Amino acid sequence: MLKNNRLPYKCAQTLSVLSVCLAYSFGANAQNGLFKSTLLTPPNSFTIGAEGPAVDKKGNLYAVNYDHDGTVGIITPKGKASVFLELPKGSMGNGIRFDSKGDMLIADYTGHNILRVNMATKDISVFAHDGRMTQPNDIAIDDKDRLYASDPNWKAGTGRVWRIDTDGKFTLLLDGVATVNGIDVSPDNKTLYVNELLKIWAFDLSPEGAISNKRLLIEFPDFGMDGLRVDVDGNIYQARYGKGVVAKVSPQGKLLKEIVLKGKKPTNVAFGGKDGRTMYVTIQDEKNLETFRVDKPGREWLRTKNSK
């Protein structure tokens, strides 16, 4: 299972040795060249619902469904992994983001909520709820702390995009499209990126949070897509579900490179590390995380670092 990434210790698929394996992975990755993926956590350290990676101001990495469903896991910069919190009964997390105050915001797709977590107390509250939503699935956040949520209806094959303002109010931005998934905001907050099936769309994003001027950025010929993130230069890192790669796409829609992963079903990506140039990828089929180095820090990593 680790034949292409041998560790000096046998990383058994148990949580008791997970911190040992992670400590090695954090250090080993720093020695690798750019865009070379390695294991961060052993297979089966998460459930099949591994999703929503996000990094806080202190460099801690979070992802949902660690060890068992309904959790948020934490991996510290030193490589210690544990359950950070249990979500309320009936809730299941997907995308995670951090606002400018440092609160964690979680897309709770089973409860049709955006949950807010006070990171000091771990108190969980419902920040926003709308029963009209099928999900929410993935979420993005702009510099004014407004959220943008993809809302796919997998059964019907349709999708919508919502804006959630800082007072919790929902506004429908996009309707009548196929299943949407990954979503993020450009570094200048003037463009919203949304993927739909095999297409990544770009929309003009107004200062008021409205979208217009829909245009096709890139269309892939096969496989699928899941979460995406944008770096400080506006390049998009797109998880290619089923192909086992993360695609790097320029703001002009040019495919710049594909980073080959060990798992075949990446679900989402996030920037982190001391310099914001470490990419973390949640993997559904291996139920774990992979990591690789990139050349520029993430847009949201820089925003989080400069927050209060």
Protein backbone atom coordinates (compact mmCIF):
# COMPACT_ATOMS: atom_id res chain seq x y z
CA MET A 1 0.00 0.00 0.00
CA LEU A 2 2.95 2.30 0.65
CA LYS A 3 5.31 0.76 -1.87
CA ASN A 4 5.80 4.06 -3.68
CA ASN A 5 6.22 6.06 -0.50
CA ARG A 6 8.05 3.93 2.05
CA LEU A 7 8.32 5.28 5.57
CA PRO A 8 10.99 4.47 8.15
CA TYR A 9 8.22 3.16 10.38
CA LYS A 10 5.43 0.87 9.34
CA CYS A 11 2.38 3.11 9.21
CA ALA A 12 -0.30 0.65 10.26
CA GLN A 13 -3.88 1.64 9.65
CA THR A 14 -4.51 2.47 13.29
CA LEU A 15 -4.93 5.84 14.92
CA SER A 16 -2.44 4.91 17.66
CA VAL A 17 0.52 5.29 15.29
CA LEU A 18 -0.97 8.01 13.12
CA SER A 19 0.97 10.86 14.71
CA VAL A 20 4.26 9.06 14.02
CA CYS A 21 3.40 8.66 10.36
CA LEU A 22 2.21 12.25 10.03
CA ALA A 23 5.31 13.68 11.67
CA TYR A 24 7.40 11.90 9.06
CA SER A 25 5.13 12.97 6.22
CA PHE A 26 5.26 16.65 7.21
CA GLY A 27 9.07 16.54 7.29
CA ALA A 28 9.56 14.37 4.23
CA ASN A 29 7.34 16.54 2.09
CA ALA A 30 9.50 19.58 2.78
CA GLN A 31 12.42 17.80 1.10
CA ASN A 32 10.52 16.87 -2.05
CA GLY A 33 10.36 18.93 -5.19
CA LEU A 34 7.29 20.84 -6.23
CA PHE A 35 4.10 19.08 -7.31
CA LYS A 36 5.11 15.61 -6.06
CA SER A 37 2.37 14.10 -3.94
CA THR A 38 3.04 12.00 -0.83
CA LEU A 39 0.80 10.44 1.80
CA LEU A 40 -0.08 12.66 4.73
CA THR A 41 -2.28 10.22 6.63
CA PRO A 42 -2.46 6.44 6.32
CA PRO A 43 -5.27 4.90 4.29
CA ASN A 44 -8.52 4.50 6.23
CA SER A 45 -7.68 7.25 8.74
CA PHE A 46 -10.83 9.02 7.46
CA THR A 47 -14.12 7.61 6.22
CA ILE A 48 -15.31 7.59 2.62
CA GLY A 49 -16.64 11.09 3.40
CA ALA A 50 -13.16 12.65 3.64
CA GLU A 51 -13.75 16.26 2.58
CA GLY A 52 -13.48 19.94 3.39
CA PRO A 53 -9.78 20.53 4.15
CA ALA A 54 -9.06 23.96 5.64
CA VAL A 55 -6.17 25.51 7.57
CA ASP A 56 -6.46 28.00 10.43
CA LYS A 57 -4.16 30.89 11.31
CA LYS A 58 -2.00 28.67 13.52
CA GLY A 59 -1.40 26.20 10.72
CA ASN A 60 -3.70 23.45 11.99
CA LEU A 61 -5.31 21.39 9.25
CA TYR A 62 -8.94 20.32 9.55
CA ALA A 63 -11.05 17.91 7.48
CA VAL A 64 -14.41 16.27 8.03
CA ASN A 65 -15.18 12.63 8.84
CA TYR A 66 -11.90 11.75 10.53
CA ASP A 67 -12.03 8.27 12.13
CA HIS A 68 -15.83 8.15 11.85
CA ASP A 69 -18.64 10.09 10.17
CA GLY A 70 -19.94 13.28 11.76
CA THR A 71 -16.58 14.54 13.01
CA VAL A 72 -14.08 17.24 12.21
CA GLY A 73 -10.51 16.03 12.52
CA ILE A 74 -7.45 18.13 13.28
CA ILE A 75 -3.83 17.61 12.29
CA THR A 76 -1.41 19.97 14.04
CA PRO A 77 1.72 21.37 12.35
CA LYS A 78 3.71 18.79 14.38
CA GLY A 79 1.67 15.98 12.85
CA LYS A 80 -0.58 15.04 15.78
CA ALA A 81 -4.00 13.91 14.58
CA SER A 82 -7.20 13.62 16.59
CA VAL A 83 -10.94 14.29 16.55
CA PHE A 84 -11.39 18.04 17.00
CA LEU A 85 -15.15 17.94 17.50
CA GLU A 86 -18.30 15.93 16.97
CA LEU A 87 -21.02 17.63 14.95
CA PRO A 88 -24.61 17.70 16.26
CA LYS A 89 -26.62 14.53 15.70
CA GLY A 90 -27.91 14.40 12.15
CA SER A 91 -25.32 16.84 10.80
CA MET A 92 -22.67 15.91 8.27
CA GLY A 93 -19.92 18.30 7.24
CA ASN A 94 -18.53 19.01 3.80
CA GLY A 95 -16.71 22.26 2.96
CA ILE A 96 -14.93 24.22 5.73
CA ARG A 97 -13.81 27.85 5.69
CA PHE A 98 -12.59 30.38 8.29
CA ASP A 99 -13.94 33.91 8.61
CA SER A 100 -11.89 36.99 9.49
CA LYS A 101 -12.64 36.50 13.21
CA GLY A 102 -11.16 33.00 13.13
CA ASP A 103 -14.47 31.17 13.47
CA MET A 104 -14.86 27.93 11.54
CA LEU A 105 -17.76 27.74 9.10
CA ILE A 106 -18.93 24.29 8.03
CA ALA A 107 -21.32 23.33 5.24
CA ASP A 108 -23.73 20.90 6.93
CA TYR A 109 -25.37 19.30 3.92
CA THR A 110 -27.73 16.98 5.78
CA GLY A 111 -29.09 19.78 7.97
CA HIS A 112 -29.20 22.41 5.18
CA ASN A 113 -27.09 24.60 7.50
CA ILE A 114 -23.95 26.61 7.72
CA LEU A 115 -22.56 25.78 11.15
CA ARG A 116 -20.29 28.17 13.02
CA VAL A 117 -17.68 26.94 15.51
CA ASN A 118 -16.15 29.15 18.18
CA MET A 119 -12.58 27.87 18.02
CA ALA A 120 -11.79 28.86 21.59
CA THR A 121 -14.73 27.06 23.19
CA LYS A 122 -15.66 24.59 20.41
CA ASP A 123 -19.27 25.72 20.77
CA ILE A 124 -21.26 24.91 17.63
CA SER A 125 -24.17 27.06 16.50
CA VAL A 126 -26.30 27.34 13.35
CA PHE A 127 -25.04 30.44 11.58
CA ALA A 128 -27.46 30.14 8.66
CA HIS A 129 -30.24 27.76 7.59
CA ASP A 130 -32.44 27.56 4.52
CA GLY A 131 -34.78 24.64 3.96
CA ARG A 132 -34.87 25.38 0.23
CA MET A 133 -31.33 24.10 -0.12
CA THR A 134 -30.59 20.52 -1.14
CA GLN A 135 -27.09 20.64 0.37
CA PRO A 136 -24.98 23.00 0.88
CA ASN A 137 -21.90 21.26 -0.50
CA ASP A 138 -18.75 23.37 -0.89
CA ILE A 139 -18.35 26.95 0.32
CA ALA A 140 -16.11 29.90 -0.52
CA ILE A 141 -15.58 33.15 1.39
CA ASP A 142 -14.73 36.64 0.16
CA ASP A 143 -12.87 39.46 1.89
CA LYS A 144 -16.13 40.79 3.34
CA ASP A 145 -16.85 37.44 5.06
CA ARG A 146 -19.70 36.64 2.66
CA LEU A 147 -20.07 32.97 1.82
CA TYR A 148 -20.83 31.43 -1.56
CA ALA A 149 -22.27 27.90 -1.46
CA SER A 150 -22.69 25.32 -4.19
CA ASP A 151 -25.95 23.41 -3.90
CA PRO A 152 -26.07 20.33 -6.14
CA ASN A 153 -29.06 18.02 -6.32
CA TRP A 154 -27.36 14.80 -7.37
CA LYS A 155 -30.58 12.84 -7.83
CA ALA A 156 -32.17 15.44 -10.09
CA GLY A 157 -28.92 16.36 -11.83
CA THR A 158 -29.44 20.07 -11.12
CA GLY A 159 -27.62 22.73 -9.15
CA ARG A 160 -27.76 26.20 -7.65
CA VAL A 161 -25.36 28.72 -6.10
CA TRP A 162 -26.22 30.83 -3.06
CA ARG A 163 -24.66 33.80 -1.30
CA ILE A 164 -24.89 33.87 2.49
CA ASP A 165 -24.35 37.33 3.98
CA THR A 166 -22.81 38.01 7.37
CA ASP A 167 -26.28 38.24 8.92
CA GLY A 168 -27.10 34.71 7.71
CA LYS A 169 -29.41 35.84 4.89
CA PHE A 170 -29.50 33.61 1.79
CA THR A 171 -29.62 35.02 -1.74
CA LEU A 172 -29.99 32.75 -4.78
CA LEU A 173 -27.33 33.70 -7.33
CA LEU A 174 -27.55 30.91 -9.87
CA ASP A 175 -30.27 28.39 -10.77
CA GLY A 176 -31.24 26.11 -13.64
CA VAL A 177 -27.81 24.55 -14.13
CA ALA A 178 -26.46 21.02 -13.79
CA THR A 179 -24.78 19.78 -10.60
CA VAL A 180 -22.32 22.36 -9.30
CA ASN A 181 -19.57 21.58 -6.82
CA GLY A 182 -16.23 23.37 -6.33
CA ILE A 183 -16.33 27.11 -5.74
CA ASP A 184 -13.87 29.89 -4.90
CA VAL A 185 -13.19 33.62 -5.20
CA SER A 186 -10.34 35.26 -7.13
CA PRO A 187 -7.57 37.14 -5.23
CA ASP A 188 -9.06 40.54 -6.17
CA ASN A 189 -12.58 39.42 -5.19
CA LYS A 190 -13.85 40.32 -8.65
CA THR A 191 -14.43 36.80 -10.00
CA LEU A 192 -16.35 33.81 -8.69
CA TYR A 193 -15.34 30.39 -10.02
CA VAL A 194 -17.85 27.53 -10.00
CA ASN A 195 -17.50 24.10 -11.56
CA GLU A 196 -20.43 22.31 -13.18
CA LEU A 197 -19.93 18.73 -14.36
CA LEU A 198 -16.76 18.99 -16.51
CA LYS A 199 -16.76 22.79 -16.87
CA ILE A 200 -15.30 25.58 -14.76
CA TRP A 201 -17.28 28.80 -15.14
CA ALA A 202 -16.13 32.31 -14.26
CA PHE A 203 -18.55 35.06 -13.20
CA ASP A 204 -17.94 38.73 -12.59
CA LEU A 205 -18.42 39.35 -8.86
CA SER A 206 -19.64 42.81 -7.88
CA PRO A 207 -18.72 44.65 -4.65
CA GLU A 208 -22.27 43.85 -3.47
CA GLY A 209 -21.79 40.10 -4.08
CA ALA A 210 -23.85 39.79 -7.25
CA ILE A 211 -22.68 37.73 -10.22
CA SER A 212 -22.87 38.43 -13.96
CA ASN A 213 -21.10 37.80 -17.27
CA LYS A 214 -20.98 34.01 -17.11
CA ARG A 215 -18.18 32.62 -19.26
CA LEU A 216 -16.56 29.23 -19.77
CA LEU A 217 -13.04 29.08 -18.39
CA ILE A 218 -12.16 25.47 -19.26
CA GLU A 219 -13.93 22.21 -20.08
CA PHE A 220 -12.35 18.82 -19.43
CA PRO A 221 -13.06 15.86 -21.74
CA ASP A 222 -13.52 13.15 -19.15
CA PHE A 223 -13.66 12.00 -15.53
CA GLY A 224 -15.15 14.36 -12.92
CA MET A 225 -14.48 17.38 -10.74
CA ASP A 226 -14.91 18.17 -7.07
CA GLY A 227 -13.49 20.95 -4.88
CA LEU A 228 -11.18 23.75 -6.02
CA ARG A 229 -9.00 26.51 -4.54
CA VAL A 230 -7.26 29.58 -5.96
CA ASP A 231 -3.68 30.73 -5.32
CA VAL A 232 -2.50 34.33 -4.92
CA ASP A 233 -1.86 34.61 -8.67
CA GLY A 234 -5.39 33.48 -9.48
CA ASN A 235 -4.44 29.99 -10.64
CA ILE A 236 -7.08 27.35 -9.90
CA TYR A 237 -6.24 24.00 -8.32
CA GLN A 238 -9.04 21.66 -9.32
CA ALA A 239 -9.57 18.18 -7.83
CA ARG A 240 -10.20 15.79 -10.76
CA TYR A 241 -12.36 13.08 -9.24
CA GLY A 242 -11.76 9.68 -10.85
CA LYS A 243 -8.62 10.74 -12.70
CA GLY A 244 -6.46 10.92 -9.60
CA VAL A 245 -4.94 14.31 -10.30
CA VAL A 246 -5.18 17.93 -9.23
CA ALA A 247 -5.28 20.18 -12.29
CA LYS A 248 -3.63 23.61 -12.16
CA VAL A 249 -5.51 26.02 -14.43
CA SER A 250 -4.51 29.62 -15.20
CA PRO A 251 -6.95 32.54 -14.80
CA GLN A 252 -7.17 32.53 -18.60
CA GLY A 253 -8.33 28.90 -18.64
CA LYS A 254 -5.10 27.22 -19.75
CA LEU A 255 -4.29 23.82 -18.24
CA LEU A 256 -0.83 24.42 -16.76
CA LYS A 257 -0.16 21.05 -15.18
CA GLU A 258 -1.67 17.95 -13.59
CA ILE A 259 -0.31 16.76 -10.24
CA VAL A 260 -0.59 12.97 -10.08
CA LEU A 261 -1.94 11.58 -6.82
CA LYS A 262 -1.78 8.11 -5.32
CA GLY A 263 -5.55 7.97 -4.82
CA LYS A 264 -7.98 8.16 -7.74
CA LYS A 265 -10.84 10.12 -6.15
CA PRO A 266 -9.67 13.49 -4.76
CA THR A 267 -12.58 15.40 -3.24
CA ASN A 268 -11.09 18.74 -2.20
CA VAL A 269 -7.93 20.78 -1.72
CA ALA A 270 -6.58 23.46 0.61
CA PHE A 271 -3.40 25.52 0.98
CA GLY A 272 -1.41 25.56 4.22
CA GLY A 273 2.02 25.10 5.74
CA LYS A 274 4.32 27.80 7.10
CA ASP A 275 4.43 29.64 3.77
CA GLY A 276 1.02 28.74 2.36
CA ARG A 277 2.64 26.62 -0.34
CA THR A 278 1.68 23.18 0.95
CA MET A 279 -1.37 21.67 -0.69
CA TYR A 280 -3.57 19.21 1.20
CA VAL A 281 -5.90 16.87 -0.70
CA THR A 282 -8.71 14.72 0.73
CA ILE A 283 -8.99 11.34 -1.01
CA GLN A 284 -12.26 9.40 -1.02
CA ASP A 285 -11.14 5.98 -2.25
CA GLU A 286 -8.10 5.76 0.07
CA LYS A 287 -9.95 7.52 2.92
CA ASN A 288 -6.94 9.69 3.71
CA LEU A 289 -5.07 12.88 2.83
CA GLU A 290 -2.20 13.50 0.46
CA THR A 291 0.05 16.55 0.26
CA PHE A 292 2.42 18.26 -2.15
CA ARG A 293 4.31 21.52 -2.45
CA VAL A 294 3.31 24.29 -4.86
CA ASP A 295 5.05 27.42 -6.14
CA LYS A 296 2.69 30.10 -4.79
CA PRO A 297 0.62 30.40 -1.59
CA GLY A 298 -3.14 30.18 -1.55
CA ARG A 299 -5.40 33.21 -1.73
CA GLU A 300 -7.39 32.16 1.31
CA TRP A 301 -4.27 31.15 3.28
CA LEU A 302 -2.96 34.72 2.92
CA ARG A 303 -6.34 36.12 3.91
CA THR A 304 -6.47 33.93 7.02
CA LYS A 305 -2.90 34.80 8.00
CA ASN A 306 -3.68 38.52 7.81
CA SER A 307 -6.98 38.22 9.73
CA LYS A 308 -7.50 39.56 13.25
